[in-house]
Amino acid sequence: MRVYNTLTRKKEEFVPLEEGKVKMYVCGPTVYNYIHIGNARPYVTFDTVRRYMEYKGYEVTYIQNFTDVDDKIINKANEEHTTMDVISNRYIKECFTDADGLHVKRATHHPRVTEEMDHIIEMIDELVKGGHAYEHEGTVYFDTKSFPEYGKLSKKNLDDLIAGASERVDIDEAKKNPTDFVLWKPYKPGEPKWPSPWGEGRPGWHIECSVMAKRYLGDTIDIHAGGEDLIFPHHENEIAQSEACNGVPFARYWLHNGFITVDNEKMSKSAGNFFTVRDIAALFPYEVIRFFLLNGQYRSPINFSKELMESCQNGLERIKNCAKDLDYYIKNAQGDTLKEGENEADIEAFRTQFEEAMDDDFNTADAITAVYELVKFININNKAGVSKAFAEKELALLLTLTDVLGLTVLEEAEEGEDTALIEELIAKRTEAKKAKDFATADAIRDQLAGMGITIKDTRQGVQWFRN
């Protein structure tokens, strides 16, 4: 398995710190509103990376945080005349609603900044004592010049950064260097506060992820991931803090997903093309949103549009119809042993194609192509009439590969009185057709359609499924 490492700007063979185990940290959202389609991309992308790692047999410890103290949350609370906790708890709940809709698995831990304050203060104190941070009137800054490798992730030169920053008017005179960043900020009226050795206040943004990664995964982790907008300054600053404090490399592999444009324009509220996942889910099922996000290689920019979403919806429906047809075929087919000429290697070739795509830096676009080709093989092959045993192997592979992508393409049958009624109506329709009473047969089809049931006449009988 080869992954593109932002730190080295090249693909590298993935070798975990501990054989068979993967320690992975993904930056989560700041919870002051519903997540937007840009937030959804790292959610879906790195959930799929995790799923594939687990498919390959790794035990994955997956950490994704919630930033629940931030200027935006405080401003939202003030606007609504409520507390920061009320706002953050509300949108953490809504975030989980969207994540569940997108089939994103819950992380091993979802730490919140407000629950990690003692550990945050402890790390800042270590940085101060180690000469990597300094305090001025209640504000603690990280001294970027104390960390010679500052800029190694973003490939920015510290002297150039300092020169560029020095040209700005709003320089903080308390800083030793213009590039120094805040670890702890003093209390201001109307803001939340915690006691610390430097006075009451709250942490800066960057220190939080360093602390949570260290606490739940250790000083060195396998994978740190997030959107490419986090490379600088957030992830650059995380590296500086963590490595200055711990004295060892912070993360071995840095993975970053590309941006999303909307109708080929940068997404922004001012442009009127800003969409939350909830907005889009009102028009398209969550599973289609996930499928859309996986149809591009994760590092490449992707463009969101209604036309592309409709295309993805049709593509996903094609896969789901194949699974439904195959499931129905199995339930009605004969022959528990393979027929002459049925070769398992024919379908295993699609697994190999899928794995080769995913092993090449998690190329989900090519992996989906492998799924499409498997669907084409199944549709053509099964028209000739395969054994039940071979059909079962086809379906098992289709479900395995789509599950790695986080797609549910075959819903479990819903049992109950409505199922009995559906079967009864289908039987009556069949009898009406035999009696050439087509008006009654059509009326029953319309009745079933009104119940949200689609029926299909096949050689094995009438197939039905819920829309």
Protein backbone atom coordinates (compact mmCIF):
# COMPACT_ATOMS: atom_id res chain seq x y z
CA MET A 1 0.00 0.00 0.00
CA ARG A 2 1.42 3.35 -1.09
CA VAL A 3 0.21 6.70 0.27
CA TYR A 4 1.03 10.25 -0.76
CA ASN A 5 2.79 11.91 2.16
CA THR A 6 2.42 15.70 2.19
CA LEU A 7 5.55 15.89 4.35
CA THR A 8 7.78 14.38 1.63
CA ARG A 9 5.62 15.32 -1.40
CA LYS A 10 5.77 11.77 -2.74
CA LYS A 11 4.09 8.39 -2.50
CA GLU A 12 5.60 6.08 0.09
CA GLU A 13 5.07 2.50 1.14
CA PHE A 14 2.85 2.50 4.22
CA VAL A 15 4.60 0.88 7.17
CA PRO A 16 2.87 1.31 10.55
CA LEU A 17 4.78 1.97 13.75
CA GLU A 18 3.39 -1.22 15.24
CA GLU A 19 2.71 -4.21 13.02
CA GLY A 20 -0.99 -4.75 12.41
CA LYS A 21 -2.06 -1.49 14.09
CA VAL A 22 -2.73 2.01 12.78
CA LYS A 23 -2.92 5.18 14.89
CA MET A 24 -4.84 7.85 12.99
CA TYR A 25 -5.86 11.41 13.90
CA VAL A 26 -8.25 13.48 11.77
CA CYS A 27 -9.02 17.13 12.53
CA GLY A 28 -12.72 17.55 13.25
CA PRO A 29 -15.04 20.54 12.86
CA THR A 30 -15.52 23.67 14.92
CA VAL A 31 -19.10 23.18 16.08
CA TYR A 32 -21.04 26.40 15.59
CA ASN A 33 -23.18 25.44 12.57
CA TYR A 34 -24.15 22.50 10.36
CA ILE A 35 -21.22 20.93 8.50
CA HIS A 36 -20.91 22.02 4.87
CA ILE A 37 -20.01 19.95 1.82
CA GLY A 38 -16.35 20.93 2.25
CA ASN A 39 -16.37 19.52 5.80
CA ALA A 40 -18.00 16.35 4.50
CA ARG A 41 -15.10 15.52 2.20
CA PRO A 42 -12.52 14.74 4.92
CA TYR A 43 -15.25 12.98 6.91
CA VAL A 44 -15.99 10.60 4.01
CA THR A 45 -12.45 10.39 2.64
CA PHE A 46 -10.72 9.37 5.83
CA ASP A 47 -13.58 7.17 6.98
CA THR A 48 -12.96 5.25 3.72
CA VAL A 49 -9.22 5.13 4.42
CA ARG A 50 -10.03 3.67 7.83
CA ARG A 51 -12.46 1.15 6.33
CA TYR A 52 -9.87 0.00 3.82
CA MET A 53 -7.22 -0.32 6.51
CA GLU A 54 -9.62 -2.50 8.50
CA TYR A 55 -10.44 -4.52 5.37
CA LYS A 56 -6.69 -5.16 5.03
CA GLY A 57 -6.63 -6.51 8.58
CA TYR A 58 -5.29 -3.53 10.53
CA GLU A 59 -6.60 -2.61 13.97
CA VAL A 60 -7.27 1.12 13.60
CA THR A 61 -7.47 3.56 16.49
CA TYR A 62 -9.23 6.52 14.93
CA ILE A 63 -9.44 9.88 16.70
CA GLN A 64 -11.52 12.79 15.44
CA ASN A 65 -11.98 15.80 17.68
CA PHE A 66 -14.59 18.49 18.15
CA THR A 67 -13.39 22.06 18.65
CA ASP A 68 -16.01 23.26 21.12
CA VAL A 69 -14.40 26.53 22.24
CA ASP A 70 -13.73 29.13 19.57
CA ASP A 71 -14.52 32.75 18.66
CA LYS A 72 -17.22 31.61 16.21
CA ILE A 73 -18.96 29.51 18.86
CA ILE A 74 -18.76 32.38 21.38
CA ASN A 75 -20.18 34.84 18.83
CA LYS A 76 -23.02 32.46 17.99
CA ALA A 77 -23.84 32.03 21.68
CA ASN A 78 -23.88 35.80 22.18
CA GLU A 79 -26.15 36.26 19.17
CA GLU A 80 -28.62 33.75 20.59
CA HIS A 81 -28.24 34.95 24.19
CA THR A 82 -27.19 31.52 25.36
CA THR A 83 -24.02 29.69 26.39
CA MET A 84 -21.17 28.23 24.42
CA ASP A 85 -22.05 24.74 25.73
CA VAL A 86 -25.58 24.99 24.37
CA ILE A 87 -24.28 25.90 20.90
CA SER A 88 -21.53 23.27 20.78
CA ASN A 89 -23.74 20.47 22.12
CA ARG A 90 -26.44 21.33 19.59
CA TYR A 91 -24.11 21.20 16.62
CA ILE A 92 -22.19 18.14 17.80
CA LYS A 93 -25.54 16.35 17.79
CA GLU A 94 -26.32 17.69 14.30
CA CYS A 95 -22.84 16.72 13.13
CA PHE A 96 -23.44 13.13 14.19
CA THR A 97 -26.79 13.17 12.35
CA ASP A 98 -25.04 14.13 9.12
CA ALA A 99 -22.11 11.75 9.72
CA ASP A 100 -24.49 8.85 10.34
CA GLY A 101 -26.39 9.74 7.17
CA LEU A 102 -23.11 9.67 5.25
CA HIS A 103 -22.35 6.21 6.76
CA VAL A 104 -19.29 7.61 8.54
CA LYS A 105 -18.31 5.25 11.35
CA ARG A 106 -17.93 6.75 14.80
CA ALA A 107 -14.32 7.39 15.78
CA THR A 108 -12.68 5.33 18.49
CA HIS A 109 -12.77 8.55 20.50
CA HIS A 110 -14.33 11.96 19.81
CA PRO A 111 -12.50 14.20 22.31
CA ARG A 112 -13.68 17.74 22.96
CA VAL A 113 -11.31 20.61 23.67
CA THR A 114 -13.19 21.66 26.81
CA GLU A 115 -12.62 18.19 28.29
CA GLU A 116 -8.84 18.34 27.72
CA MET A 117 -7.99 21.62 29.44
CA ASP A 118 -5.68 20.16 32.12
CA HIS A 119 -3.64 18.36 29.44
CA ILE A 120 -3.51 21.48 27.27
CA ILE A 121 -2.17 23.57 30.14
CA GLU A 122 0.34 20.84 30.95
CA MET A 123 1.76 20.80 27.40
CA ILE A 124 1.97 24.59 27.23
CA ASP A 125 3.82 24.59 30.56
CA GLU A 126 6.32 22.04 29.22
CA LEU A 127 6.93 24.21 26.15
CA VAL A 128 7.54 27.26 28.34
CA LYS A 129 9.94 25.38 30.59
CA GLY A 130 11.72 23.94 27.53
CA GLY A 131 12.38 27.39 26.09
CA HIS A 132 9.97 26.95 23.16
CA ALA A 133 7.29 29.31 24.47
CA TYR A 134 7.12 32.58 26.40
CA GLU A 135 4.48 34.59 28.24
CA HIS A 136 3.58 38.26 27.89
CA GLU A 137 0.80 39.79 30.00
CA GLY A 138 -1.20 36.56 30.16
CA THR A 139 -0.65 35.52 26.54
CA VAL A 140 1.65 32.58 25.85
CA TYR A 141 3.34 32.42 22.43
CA PHE A 142 5.21 29.61 20.70
CA ASP A 143 8.69 30.76 19.64
CA THR A 144 8.95 29.57 16.02
CA LYS A 145 12.70 30.30 15.92
CA SER A 146 13.19 27.75 18.71
CA PHE A 147 12.14 25.01 16.26
CA PRO A 148 14.61 24.96 13.34
CA GLU A 149 12.41 22.69 11.19
CA TYR A 150 9.45 25.09 11.23
CA GLY A 151 7.95 25.09 7.73
CA LYS A 152 8.91 21.53 6.78
CA LEU A 153 5.32 20.43 6.07
CA SER A 154 4.21 23.46 4.08
CA LYS A 155 7.69 23.92 2.55
CA LYS A 156 7.68 27.53 3.71
CA ASN A 157 10.96 29.18 4.70
CA LEU A 158 10.84 30.74 8.18
CA ASP A 159 12.94 33.77 7.22
CA ASP A 160 10.65 34.43 4.25
CA LEU A 161 7.61 34.08 6.49
CA ILE A 162 9.10 36.54 8.99
CA ALA A 163 9.96 39.00 6.21
CA GLY A 164 6.47 38.74 4.77
CA ALA A 165 4.82 39.14 8.16
CA SER A 166 6.99 42.15 8.96
CA GLU A 167 5.50 44.01 6.00
CA ARG A 168 2.04 43.93 7.57
CA VAL A 169 0.76 46.82 9.65
CA ASP A 170 -0.98 44.84 12.41
CA ILE A 171 2.11 43.25 13.95
CA ASP A 172 1.74 42.10 17.56
CA GLU A 173 4.58 43.97 19.30
CA ALA A 174 4.58 41.42 22.14
CA LYS A 175 5.89 38.70 19.81
CA LYS A 176 9.59 37.95 19.55
CA ASN A 177 9.03 36.97 15.91
CA PRO A 178 6.11 37.90 13.63
CA THR A 179 5.46 34.17 12.94
CA ASP A 180 5.08 33.23 16.62
CA PHE A 181 1.58 31.98 17.40
CA VAL A 182 -0.67 31.92 20.45
CA LEU A 183 -0.83 28.92 22.78
CA TRP A 184 -2.87 30.61 25.53
CA LYS A 185 -4.92 33.79 25.43
CA PRO A 186 -6.07 35.84 28.44
CA TYR A 187 -9.69 36.12 29.50
CA LYS A 188 -11.94 38.78 28.00
CA PRO A 189 -15.38 39.67 29.43
CA GLY A 190 -18.12 37.54 27.92
CA GLU A 191 -15.78 34.67 27.08
CA PRO A 192 -15.31 31.29 28.78
CA LYS A 193 -12.24 30.95 31.00
CA TRP A 194 -10.09 28.38 32.77
CA PRO A 195 -7.42 28.93 35.45
CA SER A 196 -3.79 28.56 34.37
CA PRO A 197 -0.26 29.51 35.54
CA TRP A 198 -0.51 32.58 33.24
CA GLY A 199 -3.92 33.72 34.47
CA GLU A 200 -7.48 32.90 33.51
CA GLY A 201 -8.06 32.38 29.81
CA ARG A 202 -8.45 29.78 27.08
CA PRO A 203 -6.18 27.94 24.61
CA GLY A 204 -5.21 28.90 21.10
CA TRP A 205 -6.50 26.69 18.29
CA HIS A 206 -3.35 24.77 17.28
CA ILE A 207 -2.32 23.40 20.70
CA GLU A 208 -5.60 21.55 21.07
CA CYS A 209 -4.99 18.91 18.37
CA SER A 210 -1.40 18.34 19.50
CA VAL A 211 -2.69 17.53 22.98
CA MET A 212 -5.54 15.28 21.90
CA ALA A 213 -3.36 13.31 19.45
CA LYS A 214 -0.73 12.80 22.17
CA ARG A 215 -3.24 11.78 24.82
CA TYR A 216 -5.15 9.21 22.75
CA LEU A 217 -2.45 7.97 20.36
CA GLY A 218 0.98 8.75 21.85
CA ASP A 219 3.92 10.99 20.99
CA THR A 220 4.26 9.61 17.45
CA ILE A 221 1.29 8.56 15.32
CA ASP A 222 0.98 6.82 11.98
CA ILE A 223 -1.40 9.11 10.07
CA HIS A 224 -2.52 12.69 10.58
CA ALA A 225 -5.17 13.84 8.12
CA GLY A 226 -7.42 16.74 7.19
CA GLY A 227 -8.25 19.19 4.44
CA GLU A 228 -5.42 20.82 2.50
CA ASP A 229 -6.43 24.20 3.92
CA LEU A 230 -5.05 22.97 7.27
CA ILE A 231 -1.49 22.37 6.02
CA PHE A 232 -0.51 25.92 6.98
CA PRO A 233 -0.65 27.17 9.59
CA HIS A 234 -2.60 24.58 11.61
CA HIS A 235 -0.72 21.38 10.85
CA GLU A 236 2.60 23.18 10.58
CA ASN A 237 2.07 24.56 14.07
CA GLU A 238 0.97 21.19 15.41
CA ILE A 239 4.26 19.70 14.25
CA ALA A 240 6.28 22.49 15.88
CA GLN A 241 4.47 22.20 19.23
CA SER A 242 4.41 18.41 19.37
CA GLU A 243 7.97 17.78 18.27
CA ALA A 244 9.38 20.60 20.43
CA CYS A 245 7.56 19.16 23.43
CA ASN A 246 8.01 15.42 22.84
CA GLY A 247 11.41 15.34 21.10
CA VAL A 248 10.25 12.77 18.50
CA PRO A 249 8.54 12.95 15.08
CA PHE A 250 4.84 13.75 15.44
CA ALA A 251 3.25 11.92 12.47
CA ARG A 252 4.83 9.61 9.92
CA TYR A 253 2.30 10.20 7.12
CA TRP A 254 0.34 13.40 6.44
CA LEU A 255 -2.75 13.00 4.24
CA HIS A 256 -4.72 15.97 2.90
CA ASN A 257 -7.84 16.03 0.76
CA GLY A 258 -8.39 18.61 -2.00
CA PHE A 259 -10.91 21.42 -2.15
CA ILE A 260 -14.49 21.37 -3.43
CA THR A 261 -15.74 23.99 -5.87
CA VAL A 262 -19.42 24.64 -6.60
CA ASP A 263 -20.28 24.98 -10.30
CA ASN A 264 -16.55 25.55 -10.85
CA GLU A 265 -16.38 28.46 -8.40
CA LYS A 266 -14.89 28.65 -4.91
CA MET A 267 -17.55 28.01 -2.29
CA SER A 268 -18.39 31.06 -0.17
CA LYS A 269 -21.41 32.55 1.55
CA SER A 270 -20.88 35.88 -0.20
CA ALA A 271 -21.07 34.15 -3.61
CA GLY A 272 -24.34 32.46 -2.64
CA ASN A 273 -22.98 28.99 -3.41
CA PHE A 274 -22.42 27.80 0.14
CA PHE A 275 -24.20 24.50 0.90
CA THR A 276 -24.45 22.55 4.11
CA VAL A 277 -24.72 18.77 3.94
CA ARG A 278 -28.24 19.19 5.35
CA ASP A 279 -29.15 21.47 2.42
CA ILE A 280 -27.97 18.90 -0.10
CA ALA A 281 -29.56 15.98 1.77
CA ALA A 282 -32.93 17.68 1.24
CA LEU A 283 -32.40 17.19 -2.51
CA PHE A 284 -30.35 13.99 -2.70
CA PRO A 285 -30.00 11.01 -0.33
CA TYR A 286 -26.98 11.08 1.96
CA GLU A 287 -25.61 7.96 0.27
CA VAL A 288 -25.49 9.83 -3.05
CA ILE A 289 -23.48 12.62 -1.38
CA ARG A 290 -21.00 10.03 -0.14
CA PHE A 291 -20.81 8.37 -3.56
CA PHE A 292 -20.20 11.76 -5.19
CA LEU A 293 -17.34 12.52 -2.79
CA LEU A 294 -15.70 9.18 -3.58
CA ASN A 295 -15.94 9.59 -7.35
CA GLY A 296 -12.75 11.69 -7.37
CA GLN A 297 -9.29 10.81 -6.10
CA TYR A 298 -9.19 12.42 -2.66
CA ARG A 299 -6.21 14.74 -3.30
CA SER A 300 -7.75 16.19 -6.46
CA PRO A 301 -10.19 19.10 -6.40
CA ILE A 302 -13.77 18.11 -7.20
CA ASN A 303 -16.63 20.19 -8.51
CA PHE A 304 -20.09 20.04 -6.98
CA SER A 305 -23.08 20.56 -9.26
CA LYS A 306 -26.65 19.32 -9.56
CA GLU A 307 -25.79 17.55 -12.83
CA LEU A 308 -22.89 15.65 -11.27
CA MET A 309 -25.04 14.68 -8.28
CA GLU A 310 -27.74 13.33 -10.62
CA SER A 311 -25.11 11.36 -12.51
CA CYS A 312 -23.82 9.87 -9.25
CA GLN A 313 -27.36 9.04 -8.17
CA ASN A 314 -27.89 7.12 -11.41
CA GLY A 315 -24.57 5.33 -11.04
CA LEU A 316 -25.32 4.26 -7.49
CA GLU A 317 -28.79 3.11 -8.51
CA ARG A 318 -27.21 0.92 -11.18
CA ILE A 319 -25.08 -0.81 -8.53
CA LYS A 320 -28.04 -1.17 -6.14
CA ASN A 321 -30.27 -2.62 -8.87
CA CYS A 322 -27.59 -5.19 -9.64
CA ALA A 323 -27.43 -6.20 -5.98
CA LYS A 324 -31.23 -6.41 -5.69
CA ASP A 325 -31.55 -8.48 -8.88
CA LEU A 326 -28.76 -10.78 -7.78
CA ASP A 327 -30.26 -11.25 -4.32
CA TYR A 328 -33.62 -12.12 -5.87
CA TYR A 329 -31.95 -14.50 -8.33
CA ILE A 330 -30.19 -16.32 -5.48
CA LYS A 331 -33.44 -16.76 -3.54
CA ASN A 332 -35.08 -18.40 -6.55
CA ALA A 333 -32.19 -20.11 -8.34
CA GLN A 334 -31.28 -23.79 -8.26
CA GLY A 335 -27.94 -25.53 -7.92
CA ASP A 336 -25.74 -25.35 -4.87
CA THR A 337 -22.57 -26.26 -6.75
CA LEU A 338 -20.70 -24.40 -9.46
CA LYS A 339 -21.53 -25.24 -13.06
CA GLU A 340 -18.94 -26.23 -15.63
CA GLY A 341 -17.16 -23.11 -16.82
CA GLU A 342 -17.91 -21.07 -13.71
CA ASN A 343 -14.52 -19.92 -12.51
CA GLU A 344 -14.10 -18.05 -9.21
CA ALA A 345 -10.97 -16.42 -10.65
CA ASP A 346 -13.21 -14.49 -13.07
CA ILE A 347 -14.82 -12.53 -10.26
CA GLU A 348 -11.74 -12.40 -8.01
CA ALA A 349 -10.06 -10.40 -10.78
CA PHE A 350 -12.38 -7.52 -9.87
CA ARG A 351 -11.28 -7.73 -6.23
CA THR A 352 -7.67 -7.48 -7.40
CA GLN A 353 -8.51 -4.47 -9.57
CA PHE A 354 -10.27 -2.81 -6.63
CA GLU A 355 -7.39 -3.46 -4.23
CA GLU A 356 -4.79 -2.21 -6.70
CA ALA A 357 -6.71 1.06 -6.96
CA MET A 358 -7.05 1.45 -3.19
CA ASP A 359 -3.42 0.42 -2.59
CA ASP A 360 -2.41 3.29 -4.88
CA ASP A 361 -3.06 6.13 -2.41
CA PHE A 362 -6.72 5.19 -1.85
CA ASN A 363 -7.85 5.92 -5.41
CA THR A 364 -11.58 5.54 -4.84
CA ALA A 365 -12.37 6.76 -8.36
CA ASP A 366 -10.60 3.76 -9.88
CA ALA A 367 -11.99 1.49 -7.16
CA ILE A 368 -15.52 2.52 -8.18
CA THR A 369 -14.59 1.70 -11.79
CA ALA A 370 -13.74 -1.82 -10.62
CA VAL A 371 -17.17 -2.06 -8.96
CA TYR A 372 -18.88 -0.88 -12.15
CA GLU A 373 -17.03 -3.51 -14.15
CA LEU A 374 -18.04 -6.19 -11.65
CA VAL A 375 -21.67 -5.05 -12.02
CA LYS A 376 -21.38 -5.25 -15.81
CA PHE A 377 -19.93 -8.77 -15.54
CA ILE A 378 -22.76 -9.87 -13.22
CA ASN A 379 -25.50 -8.39 -15.42
CA ILE A 380 -24.16 -10.04 -18.59
CA ASN A 381 -23.18 -13.32 -16.97
CA ASN A 382 -26.41 -13.90 -15.09
CA LYS A 383 -28.57 -13.50 -18.18
CA ALA A 384 -27.08 -16.79 -19.31
CA GLY A 385 -28.19 -18.40 -16.05
CA VAL A 386 -25.51 -19.13 -13.46
CA SER A 387 -25.67 -21.49 -10.51
CA LYS A 388 -26.93 -20.29 -7.16
CA ALA A 389 -23.46 -20.98 -5.72
CA PHE A 390 -21.76 -18.73 -8.28
CA ALA A 391 -24.36 -15.98 -7.85
CA GLU A 392 -23.74 -16.06 -4.09
CA LYS A 393 -20.03 -15.53 -4.67
CA GLU A 394 -20.77 -12.61 -7.00
CA LEU A 395 -23.04 -10.96 -4.46
CA ALA A 396 -20.64 -11.53 -1.57
CA LEU A 397 -17.85 -9.77 -3.48
CA LEU A 398 -20.10 -6.89 -4.56
CA LEU A 399 -21.24 -6.32 -0.98
CA THR A 400 -17.68 -6.56 0.38
CA LEU A 401 -16.27 -3.97 -2.02
CA THR A 402 -19.12 -1.52 -1.61
CA ASP A 403 -18.94 -1.88 2.16
CA VAL A 404 -15.28 -0.78 2.04
CA LEU A 405 -16.56 2.35 0.29
CA GLY A 406 -19.17 2.81 3.01
CA LEU A 407 -22.08 2.13 0.65
CA THR A 408 -25.10 0.02 1.55
CA VAL A 409 -26.33 -1.33 -1.78
CA LEU A 410 -28.64 -4.04 -0.49
CA GLU A 411 -31.12 -3.08 2.20
CA GLU A 412 -32.27 -5.73 4.62
CA ALA A 413 -35.85 -6.79 3.96
CA GLU A 414 -38.37 -5.20 6.29
CA GLU A 415 -40.57 -7.79 7.92
CA GLY A 416 -44.12 -7.26 9.16
CA GLU A 417 -47.74 -7.03 8.09
CA ASP A 418 -46.93 -4.78 5.12
CA THR A 419 -44.64 -7.48 3.68
CA ALA A 420 -47.46 -10.03 3.87
CA LEU A 421 -49.80 -7.56 2.17
CA ILE A 422 -47.30 -6.88 -0.60
CA GLU A 423 -46.85 -10.59 -1.29
CA GLU A 424 -50.64 -11.03 -1.30
CA LEU A 425 -51.14 -8.20 -3.80
CA ILE A 426 -48.38 -9.55 -6.05
CA ALA A 427 -50.04 -12.98 -6.02
CA LYS A 428 -53.41 -11.41 -6.96
CA ARG A 429 -51.75 -9.48 -9.77
CA THR A 430 -50.17 -12.67 -11.08
CA GLU A 431 -53.56 -14.40 -11.09
CA ALA A 432 -55.14 -11.40 -12.85
CA LYS A 433 -52.48 -11.50 -15.58
CA LYS A 434 -53.03 -15.26 -16.08
CA ALA A 435 -56.76 -14.53 -16.48
CA LYS A 436 -55.87 -11.72 -18.94
CA ASP A 437 -57.52 -9.23 -16.58
CA PHE A 438 -54.94 -6.57 -17.32
CA ALA A 439 -56.99 -3.72 -15.87
CA THR A 440 -56.91 -5.37 -12.44
CA ALA A 441 -53.22 -6.23 -12.83
CA ASP A 442 -52.40 -2.59 -13.69
CA ALA A 443 -54.51 -1.33 -10.79
CA ILE A 444 -52.59 -3.55 -8.36
CA ARG A 445 -49.27 -2.34 -9.79
CA ASP A 446 -50.44 1.26 -9.22
CA GLN A 447 -51.54 0.37 -5.67
CA LEU A 448 -48.09 -1.07 -4.94
CA ALA A 449 -46.41 1.98 -6.45
CA GLY A 450 -48.45 4.14 -4.11
CA MET A 451 -47.05 2.09 -1.22
CA GLY A 452 -43.53 2.86 -2.43
CA ILE A 453 -43.04 -0.61 -3.97
CA THR A 454 -41.51 -1.24 -7.39
CA ILE A 455 -42.12 -4.61 -9.03
CA LYS A 456 -40.25 -6.28 -11.85
CA ASP A 457 -41.30 -9.34 -13.84
CA THR A 458 -38.41 -11.79 -14.27
CA ARG A 459 -37.96 -15.36 -15.46
CA GLN A 460 -37.80 -16.45 -11.81
CA GLY A 461 -41.05 -14.64 -10.94
CA VAL A 462 -42.01 -11.19 -9.71
CA GLN A 463 -39.28 -9.25 -7.94
CA TRP A 464 -40.23 -6.37 -5.65
CA PHE A 465 -38.34 -3.82 -3.64
CA ARG A 466 -38.99 -0.65 -1.68
CA ASN A 467 -38.09 2.65 -3.31
